[in-house]
């Protein structure tokens, strides 16, 4: 009996969706790499993230928990639907028991893409490109104020300003690349995302008493946000935070 092929995947796009096509045998040893690939798909903030499982076989059942982890991450940030497509009868049966959460399963990628396109809702969004310079944090705060005023969120002007100050300052000082700042209003949360061209994790910095433009530390972001974190992207990383409306 021939050994099952090692797990592999490729990432593509269609109609605003990111599709991760998985081939080979899924076992616990392969989950870390697959999770990283799916996280990179999420970091693109697509209309939906699809995992095409038609070419995947299951080696170890607990490895399915990788999809639970991605489902949870997608719900927290960026609020992107995560759909599993074309699983084998064995995998579909296991997922139907909801042991791994209420994951959305579709029989095929084509059907899932059509449903996403049909049901897609355009969410309010403001974004801008920033240079990694001293004034970047001040411009980020101005943009945070603009977003909160436009979307009638006066109570979030202060918290959003503090969060973007730290995230943008961190990116400017440690990544030293162009920065993309984005605000997205969802039903329950204000999502803030800062992209830069460095793959290194955001570096914590304790309060230094050097003024607002120096930032106040990621500990302060942690105290203000419902949740925050970072994901690798194809050309760097994105650091995100969510504030409750």
C-alpha atoms as a PDB file:
ATOM      1  CA  UNK A   1       0.000   0.000   0.000  1.00  0.00           C
ATOM      2  CA  UNK A   2       1.458   3.333  -1.046  1.00  0.00           C
ATOM      3  CA  UNK A   3       2.092   5.896   1.680  1.00  0.00           C
ATOM      4  CA  UNK A   4      -0.192   8.931   1.706  1.00  0.00           C
ATOM      5  CA  UNK A   5       1.331  12.078   0.260  1.00  0.00           C
ATOM      6  CA  UNK A   6       2.661  14.679   2.670  1.00  0.00           C
ATOM      7  CA  UNK A   7       0.427  17.681   3.180  1.00  0.00           C
ATOM      8  CA  UNK A   8       0.892  20.575   0.777  1.00  0.00           C
ATOM      9  CA  UNK A   9      -1.149  23.587  -0.261  1.00  0.00           C
ATOM     10  CA  UNK A  10      -1.307  26.497  -2.639  1.00  0.00           C
ATOM     11  CA  UNK A  11      -3.010  29.849  -2.260  1.00  0.00           C
ATOM     12  CA  UNK A  12      -5.088  31.550  -4.920  1.00  0.00           C
ATOM     13  CA  UNK A  13      -7.779  34.207  -5.277  1.00  0.00           C
ATOM     14  CA  UNK A  14     -11.164  34.354  -6.958  1.00  0.00           C
ATOM     15  CA  UNK A  15     -13.886  37.014  -6.817  1.00  0.00           C
ATOM     16  CA  UNK A  16     -12.420  38.592  -3.698  1.00  0.00           C
ATOM     17  CA  UNK A  17     -12.006  35.248  -1.910  1.00  0.00           C
ATOM     18  CA  UNK A  18      -8.700  33.705  -0.863  1.00  0.00           C
ATOM     19  CA  UNK A  19      -8.678  29.963  -1.557  1.00  0.00           C
ATOM     20  CA  UNK A  20      -6.181  27.648   0.151  1.00  0.00           C
ATOM     21  CA  UNK A  21      -6.190  24.354  -1.761  1.00  0.00           C
ATOM     22  CA  UNK A  22      -4.964  21.498   0.432  1.00  0.00           C
ATOM     23  CA  UNK A  23      -3.506  18.224  -0.855  1.00  0.00           C
ATOM     24  CA  UNK A  24      -2.232  15.141   0.950  1.00  0.00           C
ATOM     25  CA  UNK A  25      -2.554  13.699   4.424  1.00  0.00           C
ATOM     26  CA  UNK A  26      -3.483  15.919   7.370  1.00  0.00           C
ATOM     27  CA  UNK A  27      -1.894  14.836  10.617  1.00  0.00           C
ATOM     28  CA  UNK A  28      -0.830  16.670  13.748  1.00  0.00           C
ATOM     29  CA  UNK A  29       2.673  17.280  12.461  1.00  0.00           C
ATOM     30  CA  UNK A  30       1.332  19.203   9.478  1.00  0.00           C
ATOM     31  CA  UNK A  31      -1.058  21.509  11.334  1.00  0.00           C
ATOM     32  CA  UNK A  32       1.470  24.229  12.132  1.00  0.00           C
ATOM     33  CA  UNK A  33       2.348  24.830   8.504  1.00  0.00           C
ATOM     34  CA  UNK A  34      -1.266  24.693   7.355  1.00  0.00           C
ATOM     35  CA  UNK A  35      -2.323  27.076  10.095  1.00  0.00           C
ATOM     36  CA  UNK A  36       0.337  29.548   8.963  1.00  0.00           C
ATOM     37  CA  UNK A  37      -0.886  29.373   5.371  1.00  0.00           C
ATOM     38  CA  UNK A  38      -4.490  29.936   6.431  1.00  0.00           C
ATOM     39  CA  UNK A  39      -3.450  32.834   8.665  1.00  0.00           C
ATOM     40  CA  UNK A  40      -1.706  34.499   5.734  1.00  0.00           C
ATOM     41  CA  UNK A  41      -4.947  34.166   3.809  1.00  0.00           C
ATOM     42  CA  UNK A  42      -6.863  35.832   6.639  1.00  0.00           C
ATOM     43  CA  UNK A  43      -4.315  38.632   6.815  1.00  0.00           C
ATOM     44  CA  UNK A  44      -5.337  39.693   3.305  1.00  0.00           C
ATOM     45  CA  UNK A  45      -8.813  40.474   4.727  1.00  0.00           C
ATOM     46  CA  UNK A  46     -10.654  38.803   1.839  1.00  0.00           C
ATOM     47  CA  UNK A  47     -14.409  38.638   1.334  1.00  0.00           C
ATOM     48  CA  UNK A  48     -14.047  35.048   2.571  1.00  0.00           C
ATOM     49  CA  UNK A  49     -11.304  32.516   3.278  1.00  0.00           C
ATOM     50  CA  UNK A  50     -11.953  29.126   1.676  1.00  0.00           C
ATOM     51  CA  UNK A  51     -10.117  25.884   2.435  1.00  0.00           C
ATOM     52  CA  UNK A  52     -10.492  23.477  -0.487  1.00  0.00           C
ATOM     53  CA  UNK A  53     -10.237  20.018   1.110  1.00  0.00           C
ATOM     54  CA  UNK A  54     -11.201  17.917  -1.909  1.00  0.00           C
ATOM     55  CA  UNK A  55      -7.643  16.615  -2.233  1.00  0.00           C
ATOM     56  CA  UNK A  56      -7.031  16.143   1.499  1.00  0.00           C
ATOM     57  CA  UNK A  57      -7.131  12.872   3.422  1.00  0.00           C
ATOM     58  CA  UNK A  58      -7.238  12.619   7.209  1.00  0.00           C
ATOM     59  CA  UNK A  59      -4.403  10.987   9.078  1.00  0.00           C
ATOM     60  CA  UNK A  60      -5.208  11.969  12.662  1.00  0.00           C
ATOM     61  CA  UNK A  61      -8.625  13.254  13.698  1.00  0.00           C
ATOM     62  CA  UNK A  62      -7.372  15.793  16.300  1.00  0.00           C
ATOM     63  CA  UNK A  63      -5.594  17.596  13.458  1.00  0.00           C
ATOM     64  CA  UNK A  64      -8.998  18.940  12.409  1.00  0.00           C
ATOM     65  CA  UNK A  65      -8.700  21.355  15.334  1.00  0.00           C
ATOM     66  CA  UNK A  66      -6.538  23.536  13.073  1.00  0.00           C
ATOM     67  CA  UNK A  67      -9.749  24.608  11.338  1.00  0.00           C
ATOM     68  CA  UNK A  68     -11.346  25.447  14.694  1.00  0.00           C
ATOM     69  CA  UNK A  69      -8.419  27.737  15.507  1.00  0.00           C
ATOM     70  CA  UNK A  70      -8.700  29.545  12.170  1.00  0.00           C
ATOM     71  CA  UNK A  71     -12.475  29.880  12.568  1.00  0.00           C
ATOM     72  CA  UNK A  72     -11.978  31.560  15.951  1.00  0.00           C
ATOM     73  CA  UNK A  73      -9.285  33.876  14.616  1.00  0.00           C
ATOM     74  CA  UNK A  74     -11.436  34.868  11.645  1.00  0.00           C
ATOM     75  CA  UNK A  75     -14.334  35.729  13.953  1.00  0.00           C
ATOM     76  CA  UNK A  76     -12.160  37.941  16.183  1.00  0.00           C
ATOM     77  CA  UNK A  77     -10.284  39.618  13.330  1.00  0.00           C
ATOM     78  CA  UNK A  78     -10.808  40.412  10.501  1.00  0.00           C
ATOM     79  CA  UNK A  79     -14.433  39.216  10.735  1.00  0.00           C
ATOM     80  CA  UNK A  80     -13.986  37.200   7.545  1.00  0.00           C
ATOM     81  CA  UNK A  81     -16.170  34.135   6.817  1.00  0.00           C
ATOM     82  CA  UNK A  82     -14.160  30.878   6.875  1.00  0.00           C
ATOM     83  CA  UNK A  83     -15.564  28.092   4.709  1.00  0.00           C
ATOM     84  CA  UNK A  84     -14.454  24.481   4.300  1.00  0.00           C
ATOM     85  CA  UNK A  85     -15.125  23.095   0.836  1.00  0.00           C
ATOM     86  CA  UNK A  86     -15.357  19.591  -0.616  1.00  0.00           C
ATOM     87  CA  UNK A  87     -14.185  17.497   2.354  1.00  0.00           C
ATOM     88  CA  UNK A  88     -14.192  13.703   2.118  1.00  0.00           C
ATOM     89  CA  UNK A  89     -17.171  11.828   3.537  1.00  0.00           C
ATOM     90  CA  UNK A  90     -15.066  10.906   6.562  1.00  0.00           C
ATOM     91  CA  UNK A  91     -14.064  14.500   7.306  1.00  0.00           C
ATOM     92  CA  UNK A  92     -17.548  15.859   6.578  1.00  0.00           C
ATOM     93  CA  UNK A  93     -19.038  13.329   8.997  1.00  0.00           C
ATOM     94  CA  UNK A  94     -16.640  14.297  11.768  1.00  0.00           C
ATOM     95  CA  UNK A  95     -17.261  18.006  11.241  1.00  0.00           C
ATOM     96  CA  UNK A  96     -21.033  17.456  11.266  1.00  0.00           C
ATOM     97  CA  UNK A  97     -20.805  16.323  14.892  1.00  0.00           C
ATOM     98  CA  UNK A  98     -19.721  19.894  15.819  1.00  0.00           C
ATOM     99  CA  UNK A  99     -16.927  18.518  17.974  1.00  0.00           C
ATOM    100  CA  UNK A 100     -14.714  21.097  16.288  1.00  0.00           C
ATOM    101  CA  UNK A 101     -17.200  23.954  16.456  1.00  0.00           C
ATOM    102  CA  UNK A 102     -19.891  25.175  14.090  1.00  0.00           C
ATOM    103  CA  UNK A 103     -17.696  25.237  10.989  1.00  0.00           C
ATOM    104  CA  UNK A 104     -19.303  26.119   7.657  1.00  0.00           C
ATOM    105  CA  UNK A 105     -18.963  23.250   5.173  1.00  0.00           C
ATOM    106  CA  UNK A 106     -19.790  23.465   1.457  1.00  0.00           C
ATOM    107  CA  UNK A 107     -19.739  20.637  -1.075  1.00  0.00           C
ATOM    108  CA  UNK A 108     -17.514  22.509  -3.537  1.00  0.00           C
ATOM    109  CA  UNK A 109     -15.480  25.683  -3.967  1.00  0.00           C
ATOM    110  CA  UNK A 110     -17.565  26.985  -6.875  1.00  0.00           C
ATOM    111  CA  UNK A 111     -20.759  26.881  -4.824  1.00  0.00           C
ATOM    112  CA  UNK A 112     -19.076  28.551  -1.853  1.00  0.00           C
ATOM    113  CA  UNK A 113     -17.683  31.390  -3.988  1.00  0.00           C
ATOM    114  CA  UNK A 114     -21.081  32.026  -5.569  1.00  0.00           C
ATOM    115  CA  UNK A 115     -22.687  32.211  -2.128  1.00  0.00           C
ATOM    116  CA  UNK A 116     -20.050  34.614  -0.838  1.00  0.00           C
ATOM    117  CA  UNK A 117     -20.462  36.911  -3.853  1.00  0.00           C
ATOM    118  CA  UNK A 118     -24.247  36.809  -3.544  1.00  0.00           C
ATOM    119  CA  UNK A 119     -24.262  37.614   0.178  1.00  0.00           C
ATOM    120  CA  UNK A 120     -21.262  39.942   0.425  1.00  0.00           C
ATOM    121  CA  UNK A 121     -21.900  43.113   2.395  1.00  0.00           C
ATOM    122  CA  UNK A 122     -19.717  46.165   1.833  1.00  0.00           C
ATOM    123  CA  UNK A 123     -18.460  47.261   5.252  1.00  0.00           C
ATOM    124  CA  UNK A 124     -17.521  50.868   6.109  1.00  0.00           C
ATOM    125  CA  UNK A 125     -13.744  51.287   5.814  1.00  0.00           C
ATOM    126  CA  UNK A 126     -11.134  54.048   5.950  1.00  0.00           C
ATOM    127  CA  UNK A 127      -7.479  53.440   5.102  1.00  0.00           C
ATOM    128  CA  UNK A 128      -4.331  55.386   4.333  1.00  0.00           C
ATOM    129  CA  UNK A 129      -0.641  54.888   3.553  1.00  0.00           C
ATOM    130  CA  UNK A 130       1.852  56.333   6.032  1.00  0.00           C
ATOM    131  CA  UNK A 131       5.568  56.986   5.816  1.00  0.00           C
ATOM    132  CA  UNK A 132       7.654  55.653   8.750  1.00  0.00           C
ATOM    133  CA  UNK A 133       8.364  59.135  10.096  1.00  0.00           C
ATOM    134  CA  UNK A 134       7.868  60.979  13.371  1.00  0.00           C
ATOM    135  CA  UNK A 135       4.541  62.499  12.327  1.00  0.00           C
ATOM    136  CA  UNK A 136       2.988  59.152  11.377  1.00  0.00           C
ATOM    137  CA  UNK A 137       1.419  58.613  14.802  1.00  0.00           C
ATOM    138  CA  UNK A 138      -0.184  62.064  14.798  1.00  0.00           C
ATOM    139  CA  UNK A 139      -1.660  61.475  11.346  1.00  0.00           C
ATOM    140  CA  UNK A 140      -2.923  58.077  12.529  1.00  0.00           C
ATOM    141  CA  UNK A 141      -4.726  59.713  15.459  1.00  0.00           C
ATOM    142  CA  UNK A 142      -6.316  62.231  13.106  1.00  0.00           C
ATOM    143  CA  UNK A 143      -7.536  59.364  10.943  1.00  0.00           C
ATOM    144  CA  UNK A 144      -8.902  57.563  14.014  1.00  0.00           C
ATOM    145  CA  UNK A 145     -10.846  60.687  14.956  1.00  0.00           C
ATOM    146  CA  UNK A 146     -12.177  60.999  11.407  1.00  0.00           C
ATOM    147  CA  UNK A 147     -13.374  57.383  11.422  1.00  0.00           C
ATOM    148  CA  UNK A 148     -15.072  57.668  14.810  1.00  0.00           C
ATOM    149  CA  UNK A 149     -16.796  60.944  13.908  1.00  0.00           C
ATOM    150  CA  UNK A 150     -17.936  59.634  10.518  1.00  0.00           C
ATOM    151  CA  UNK A 151     -19.400  56.486  12.083  1.00  0.00           C
ATOM    152  CA  UNK A 152     -20.864  58.244  15.141  1.00  0.00           C
ATOM    153  CA  UNK A 153     -18.572  56.553  17.672  1.00  0.00           C
ATOM    154  CA  UNK A 154     -17.571  59.485  19.921  1.00  0.00           C
ATOM    155  CA  UNK A 155     -16.703  57.255  22.886  1.00  0.00           C
ATOM    156  CA  UNK A 156     -14.030  55.503  20.830  1.00  0.00           C
ATOM    157  CA  UNK A 157     -12.129  58.614  19.720  1.00  0.00           C
ATOM    158  CA  UNK A 158      -9.799  58.437  22.729  1.00  0.00           C
ATOM    159  CA  UNK A 159      -9.233  54.660  22.843  1.00  0.00           C
ATOM    160  CA  UNK A 160      -8.818  54.376  19.066  1.00  0.00           C
ATOM    161  CA  UNK A 161      -6.323  57.238  19.078  1.00  0.00           C
ATOM    162  CA  UNK A 162      -4.219  55.593  21.770  1.00  0.00           C
ATOM    163  CA  UNK A 163      -4.271  52.208  20.029  1.00  0.00           C
ATOM    164  CA  UNK A 164      -3.202  53.568  16.635  1.00  0.00           C
ATOM    165  CA  UNK A 165      -0.510  55.694  18.261  1.00  0.00           C
ATOM    166  CA  UNK A 166       1.157  52.600  19.674  1.00  0.00           C
ATOM    167  CA  UNK A 167       0.680  50.363  16.650  1.00  0.00           C
ATOM    168  CA  UNK A 168       1.855  52.943  14.121  1.00  0.00           C
ATOM    169  CA  UNK A 169       4.774  54.102  16.279  1.00  0.00           C
ATOM    170  CA  UNK A 170       5.832  50.488  16.729  1.00  0.00           C
ATOM    171  CA  UNK A 171       5.721  49.900  12.980  1.00  0.00           C
ATOM    172  CA  UNK A 172       7.575  53.117  12.167  1.00  0.00           C
ATOM    173  CA  UNK A 173      10.373  52.474  14.660  1.00  0.00           C
ATOM    174  CA  UNK A 174      10.897  48.737  14.248  1.00  0.00           C
ATOM    175  CA  UNK A 175       9.792  47.917  10.696  1.00  0.00           C
ATOM    176  CA  UNK A 176      10.838  51.211   9.073  1.00  0.00           C
ATOM    177  CA  UNK A 177       8.771  50.462   5.955  1.00  0.00           C
ATOM    178  CA  UNK A 178       5.669  51.976   4.425  1.00  0.00           C
ATOM    179  CA  UNK A 179       2.670  51.500   6.717  1.00  0.00           C
ATOM    180  CA  UNK A 180      -0.936  50.819   5.783  1.00  0.00           C
ATOM    181  CA  UNK A 181      -3.465  51.880   8.418  1.00  0.00           C
ATOM    182  CA  UNK A 182      -7.039  50.647   8.156  1.00  0.00           C
ATOM    183  CA  UNK A 183     -10.244  51.128  10.143  1.00  0.00           C
ATOM    184  CA  UNK A 184     -13.257  48.884   9.531  1.00  0.00           C
ATOM    185  CA  UNK A 185     -16.584  49.205  11.293  1.00  0.00           C
ATOM    186  CA  UNK A 186     -18.369  45.914  11.880  1.00  0.00           C
ATOM    187  CA  UNK A 187     -21.622  45.217  13.725  1.00  0.00           C
ATOM    188  CA  UNK A 188     -20.049  44.876  17.174  1.00  0.00           C
ATOM    189  CA  UNK A 189     -16.476  46.051  16.804  1.00  0.00           C
ATOM    190  CA  UNK A 190     -14.205  48.695  15.364  1.00  0.00           C
ATOM    191  CA  UNK A 191     -11.330  46.842  13.716  1.00  0.00           C
ATOM    192  CA  UNK A 192      -7.951  48.555  13.468  1.00  0.00           C
ATOM    193  CA  UNK A 193      -5.154  47.089  11.358  1.00  0.00           C
ATOM    194  CA  UNK A 194      -1.589  48.263  10.752  1.00  0.00           C
ATOM    195  CA  UNK A 195       0.466  46.590   8.021  1.00  0.00           C
ATOM    196  CA  UNK A 196       4.195  46.916   7.503  1.00  0.00           C
ATOM    197  CA  UNK A 197       6.912  45.196   5.505  1.00  0.00           C
ATOM    198  CA  UNK A 198       8.680  43.444   8.378  1.00  0.00           C
ATOM    199  CA  UNK A 199       7.993  39.811   9.272  1.00  0.00           C
ATOM    200  CA  UNK A 200       9.214  40.306  12.853  1.00  0.00           C
ATOM    201  CA  UNK A 201       6.565  40.318  15.633  1.00  0.00           C
ATOM    202  CA  UNK A 202       5.594  43.686  17.134  1.00  0.00           C
ATOM    203  CA  UNK A 203       8.046  44.629  19.857  1.00  0.00           C
ATOM    204  CA  UNK A 204       6.680  45.589  23.285  1.00  0.00           C
ATOM    205  CA  UNK A 205       7.832  48.886  24.682  1.00  0.00           C
ATOM    206  CA  UNK A 206       7.175  50.084  28.215  1.00  0.00           C
ATOM    207  CA  UNK A 207       5.995  53.681  28.823  1.00  0.00           C
ATOM    208  CA  UNK A 208       8.929  56.036  28.533  1.00  0.00           C
ATOM    209  CA  UNK A 209       7.413  59.381  29.409  1.00  0.00           C
ATOM    210  CA  UNK A 210       8.605  60.924  26.166  1.00  0.00           C
ATOM    211  CA  UNK A 211       5.295  62.275  24.917  1.00  0.00           C
ATOM    212  CA  UNK A 212       2.285  60.900  23.118  1.00  0.00           C
ATOM    213  CA  UNK A 213       4.092  60.386  19.825  1.00  0.00           C
ATOM    214  CA  UNK A 214       6.428  57.888  21.480  1.00  0.00           C
ATOM    215  CA  UNK A 215       3.534  55.530  22.173  1.00  0.00           C
ATOM    216  CA  UNK A 216       2.563  54.041  25.513  1.00  0.00           C
ATOM    217  CA  UNK A 217       3.348  50.375  25.089  1.00  0.00           C
ATOM    218  CA  UNK A 218       1.517  47.328  23.842  1.00  0.00           C
ATOM    219  CA  UNK A 219       0.347  46.684  27.403  1.00  0.00           C
ATOM    220  CA  UNK A 220      -1.898  49.714  27.019  1.00  0.00           C
ATOM    221  CA  UNK A 221      -3.261  48.338  23.741  1.00  0.00           C
ATOM    222  CA  UNK A 222      -4.014  45.125  25.605  1.00  0.00           C
ATOM    223  CA  UNK A 223      -5.939  47.047  28.271  1.00  0.00           C
ATOM    224  CA  UNK A 224      -8.080  48.974  25.759  1.00  0.00           C
ATOM    225  CA  UNK A 225      -8.805  46.369  23.099  1.00  0.00           C
ATOM    226  CA  UNK A 226     -11.241  43.481  23.310  1.00  0.00           C
ATOM    227  CA  UNK A 227      -8.456  41.526  21.648  1.00  0.00           C
ATOM    228  CA  UNK A 228      -5.349  42.196  19.599  1.00  0.00           C
ATOM    229  CA  UNK A 229      -2.615  40.249  17.874  1.00  0.00           C
ATOM    230  CA  UNK A 230      -0.646  39.912  14.674  1.00  0.00           C
ATOM    231  CA  UNK A 231      -0.538  37.695  11.604  1.00  0.00           C
ATOM    232  CA  UNK A 232       2.120  37.147   8.954  1.00  0.00           C
ATOM    233  CA  UNK A 233       1.354  38.443   5.472  1.00  0.00           C
ATOM    234  CA  UNK A 234       2.921  37.692   2.107  1.00  0.00           C
ATOM    235  CA  UNK A 235       5.278  40.647   2.442  1.00  0.00           C
ATOM    236  CA  UNK A 236       5.456  41.388   6.172  1.00  0.00           C
ATOM    237  CA  UNK A 237       2.849  41.379   8.903  1.00  0.00           C
ATOM    238  CA  UNK A 238      -0.396  42.955  10.043  1.00  0.00           C
ATOM    239  CA  UNK A 239      -1.008  43.950  13.663  1.00  0.00           C
ATOM    240  CA  UNK A 240      -4.690  44.235  14.547  1.00  0.00           C
ATOM    241  CA  UNK A 241      -6.861  45.329  17.449  1.00  0.00           C
ATOM    242  CA  UNK A 242     -10.613  45.296  18.029  1.00  0.00           C
ATOM    243  CA  UNK A 243     -12.551  47.835  20.104  1.00  0.00           C
ATOM    244  CA  UNK A 244     -16.112  47.152  21.266  1.00  0.00           C
ATOM    245  CA  UNK A 245     -18.730  49.575  19.945  1.00  0.00           C
END
